[in-house]
Structures are given as C-alpha cells and as structure tokens.
Protein backbone atom coordinates (compact mmCIF):
# COMPACT_ATOMS: atom_id res chain seq x y z
CA MET A 1 -1.64 2.87 9.36
CA HIS A 2 1.29 0.81 8.06
CA GLY A 3 4.16 -0.68 10.00
CA GLN A 4 4.52 -0.79 13.73
CA PRO A 5 1.91 1.02 15.81
CA GLY A 6 4.46 2.99 17.87
CA ALA A 7 6.66 4.21 15.01
CA PRO A 8 5.15 7.69 14.43
CA ARG A 9 5.04 8.39 18.15
CA ARG A 10 8.75 7.49 18.46
CA ARG A 11 9.68 9.94 15.69
CA ARG A 12 7.77 12.73 17.41
CA ARG A 13 9.67 12.09 20.65
CA VAL A 14 13.07 12.36 18.92
CA LEU A 15 12.36 15.41 16.78
CA PRO A 16 12.32 18.02 19.60
CA TRP A 17 15.77 16.86 20.73
CA VAL A 18 17.45 17.55 17.37
CA PRO A 19 17.85 21.34 17.90
CA VAL A 20 19.06 20.71 21.46
CA ALA A 21 21.66 18.20 20.20
CA LEU A 22 22.83 20.62 17.50
CA LEU A 23 23.15 23.42 20.04
CA LEU A 24 25.15 21.17 22.38
CA LEU A 25 27.40 20.18 19.46
CA VAL A 26 28.08 23.85 18.64
CA VAL A 27 28.88 24.62 22.30
CA LEU A 28 31.17 21.57 22.51
CA GLU A 29 32.95 22.53 19.27
CA LEU A 30 33.49 26.09 20.49
CA ALA A 31 34.83 24.86 23.83
CA VAL A 32 37.28 22.50 22.10
CA ILE A 33 38.37 25.18 19.60
CA ILE A 34 38.99 27.65 22.45
CA ALA A 35 40.93 25.01 24.43
CA VAL A 36 43.06 24.13 21.40
CA GLY A 37 43.57 27.84 20.64
CA ARG A 38 44.85 28.45 24.16
CA ARG A 39 47.18 25.45 23.87
CA ILE A 40 48.71 26.02 20.40
CA GLY A 41 47.68 29.59 19.58
CA VAL A 42 44.93 31.15 17.50
CA LEU A 43 46.85 31.14 14.22
CA TRP A 44 47.77 27.44 14.41
CA THR A 45 44.21 26.58 15.45
CA LEU A 46 42.83 28.34 12.36
CA VAL A 47 45.45 26.69 10.14
CA SER A 48 44.54 23.30 11.62
CA LEU A 49 40.83 23.85 11.03
CA VAL A 50 41.40 24.86 7.39
CA ALA A 51 43.84 21.98 6.80
CA LEU A 52 41.38 19.48 8.28
CA SER A 53 38.60 20.81 6.05
CA VAL A 54 40.80 20.53 2.93
CA ALA A 55 41.83 17.00 3.94
CA GLY A 56 38.14 16.22 4.47
CA VAL A 57 37.27 17.29 0.94
CA TRP A 58 40.12 15.17 -0.44
CA LEU A 59 39.09 12.12 1.63
CA LEU A 60 35.45 12.59 0.66
CA ARG A 61 36.34 12.57 -3.04
CA ARG A 62 38.67 9.56 -2.75
CA GLU A 63 36.49 7.37 -0.55
CA GLY A 64 33.30 8.53 -2.28
CA ALA A 65 34.70 7.40 -5.64
CA ARG A 66 35.71 4.08 -4.08
CA ALA A 67 32.21 3.60 -2.63
CA MET A 68 30.63 4.41 -6.02
CA ARG A 69 32.85 1.83 -7.75
CA ALA A 70 31.81 -0.78 -5.19
CA LEU A 71 28.15 0.11 -5.75
CA ARG A 72 28.53 -0.21 -9.53
CA THR A 73 30.32 -3.54 -9.12
CA SER A 74 27.51 -4.84 -6.89
CA ALA A 75 24.92 -3.72 -9.42
CA ARG A 76 26.81 -5.36 -12.32
CA THR A 77 27.25 -8.66 -10.53
CA GLY A 78 23.66 -8.75 -9.35
CA GLU A 79 24.48 -9.01 -5.67
CA MET A 80 22.64 -7.09 -2.98
CA PRO A 81 24.40 -3.68 -2.67
CA SER A 82 23.63 -3.19 1.03
CA ARG A 83 27.28 -2.92 2.10
CA ALA A 84 28.15 -0.56 -0.76
CA LEU A 85 25.11 1.61 0.02
CA ALA A 86 25.98 1.71 3.72
CA ASP A 87 29.57 2.64 2.90
CA GLY A 88 28.37 5.37 0.53
CA ILE A 89 26.12 6.87 3.18
CA LEU A 90 28.84 6.70 5.84
CA VAL A 91 31.39 8.33 3.50
CA LEU A 92 28.93 11.09 2.63
CA VAL A 93 28.05 11.85 6.25
CA GLY A 94 31.68 11.55 7.37
CA GLY A 95 32.85 13.83 4.56
CA LEU A 96 30.27 16.46 5.44
CA LEU A 97 31.39 16.31 9.06
CA LEU A 98 35.02 16.71 7.97
CA VAL A 99 34.19 19.79 5.91
CA LEU A 100 32.43 21.48 8.84
CA PRO A 101 34.79 23.54 10.98
CA GLY A 102 35.50 21.89 14.31
CA PHE A 103 37.66 19.24 15.87
CA VAL A 104 34.88 17.05 17.29
CA THR A 105 33.08 16.73 13.95
CA ASP A 106 36.44 16.05 12.29
CA VAL A 107 37.16 13.11 14.60
CA VAL A 108 33.69 11.62 14.02
CA GLY A 109 33.99 12.30 10.28
CA LEU A 110 37.35 10.52 10.12
CA LEU A 111 35.89 7.50 11.89
CA LEU A 112 33.10 7.33 9.29
CA VAL A 113 35.28 7.95 6.21
CA LEU A 114 38.38 5.85 6.84
CA PRO A 115 38.03 2.28 5.50
CA VAL A 116 39.72 0.91 8.62
CA THR A 117 37.15 2.34 11.06
CA ARG A 118 34.05 2.42 8.83
CA PRO A 119 33.10 -1.22 9.66
CA LEU A 120 32.54 -0.13 13.26
CA ALA A 121 29.69 2.20 12.23
CA ARG A 122 28.26 0.06 9.40
CA PRO A 123 26.28 -2.38 11.60
CA LEU A 124 24.56 0.52 13.40
CA LEU A 125 23.55 2.10 10.09
CA GLU A 126 22.37 -1.22 8.63
CA ALA A 127 20.31 -1.96 11.76
CA GLY A 128 18.68 1.46 11.58
CA ILE A 129 17.87 1.07 7.89
CA ARG A 130 16.58 -2.46 8.43
CA ARG A 131 14.32 -1.29 11.27
CA ARG A 132 12.97 1.63 9.25
CA VAL A 133 12.44 -0.24 5.97
CA PHE A 134 11.22 -3.57 7.24
CA GLY A 135 9.30 -2.10 10.17
CA ASP A 136 7.44 0.38 7.96
CA LEU A 137 6.74 -2.19 5.25
CA GLY A 138 5.40 -4.76 7.65
CA VAL A 139 7.88 -7.43 6.55
CA ILE A 140 7.96 -10.25 9.06
CA ARG A 141 10.71 -12.82 9.57
CA VAL A 142 9.43 -16.36 10.03
CA ARG A 143 11.12 -19.68 10.68
CA THR A 144 11.00 -22.50 8.18
CA ALA A 145 7.62 -24.23 8.37
CA THR A 146 7.13 -27.77 9.64
CA HIS A 147 4.69 -30.31 8.23
CA ARG A 148 1.98 -31.91 10.38
CA ASP A 149 4.04 -35.09 10.66
CA GLY A 150 6.96 -33.10 12.19
CA ARG A 151 9.20 -32.96 9.13
CA THR A 152 10.81 -29.60 8.37
CA ARG A 153 9.89 -28.13 5.01
CA HIS A 154 12.75 -26.58 3.01
CA ASP A 155 11.60 -24.79 -0.11
CA GLY A 156 14.97 -23.47 -1.22
CA PRO A 157 18.63 -24.25 -0.93
CA ASP A 158 18.97 -22.25 2.28
CA PRO A 159 16.97 -23.79 5.13
CA GLY A 160 17.33 -20.62 7.24
CA ASP A 161 14.79 -17.88 7.74
CA GLU A 162 12.45 -16.99 4.93
CA VAL A 163 11.05 -13.54 4.23
CA VAL A 164 7.31 -13.41 3.76
CA GLU A 165 6.04 -10.15 2.35
CA GLY A 166 2.63 -9.00 3.45
CA GLU A 167 0.58 -6.09 4.60
CA ILE A 168 -0.60 -5.56 8.15
CA VAL A 169 -4.28 -4.72 8.26
CA ASP A 170 -5.70 -3.23 11.46
C-alpha cells in the first residue's frame, strides 16, 4: 500500500455522501428558482436562467483561453505551472457550474471563474492537490540537515525545506 495508511478509508467515507449532496443541491436550486419565480415572475426567471447560462459559456471561453495562455507561458519559460493549472481547473469547474441551470450554481461558478474572486478558491484547490499527490506518492518534507558539529548544511541556494523523494515500505 502506498501513501498514507488512512487514505483509502477516507475516500470510502466521503463517497456515500456525494449523491446526498447532489440531491440537496437540486432541492436547494429548485427552492431558489421557485422563490425567484414568485418574486419576479416565471417568464423573467426563465429568461434570467437562460441569460446566465449564455453568459457562463462566454465567460468560460474567455477565461479558459486566458488560463490556457498562462499555462503555455509557464511551460515556455520553464516555471512550475501550478498556478496556471489551478486557474484552469477552477475556470473549467466554474464554467460548468455557470452552464447548469440554477442560481446557486451560477453564484458559485462566478466566484470560480472571475479573476477577481478566483484567488480565494485557489489555495483550497492547491492544498487538496498537494495532499492527494504528495500524500499518495509518499513525498516527505524535511528540514535542512545539520552536521554533527552543529553547523547547518545548505546544499543549494535556498536554505529552506528540501524535498526528498522516496517510497514508504510497510
């Protein structure tokens, strides 16, 4: 078994809740749509839902193209594309939420797609990816080593944490 011992068990505990969460989302969306329909009328509610979906497709194309350009630029310059990848994933998920009919998914989708609010969600996504990738690979963060005489050893220009790749053997 690779990675952390509790990882597969954690996934099994979350999986049964996915259908429940989706059902609750559908019920919440319907309740909001009905409330908006009572407030502004059925016709305007339908027009709003269609307009938000069209705007979602437009935003998805615009911000998706921007995220792809940033990813290409990162690849060309040789820098780590973690921010560009995170932005691409957030734009994709946000765009899909915008295309789905419903006001709640549209609000969440807008928060993920707009460049002004995207940095709020990026750290959560990066932390999740880091936990999944590094936890499953068994990568361990270690502090810079010290010599027997107490001197700190610095192998590279950055005296911060080093990444030591290895495999965990049970």
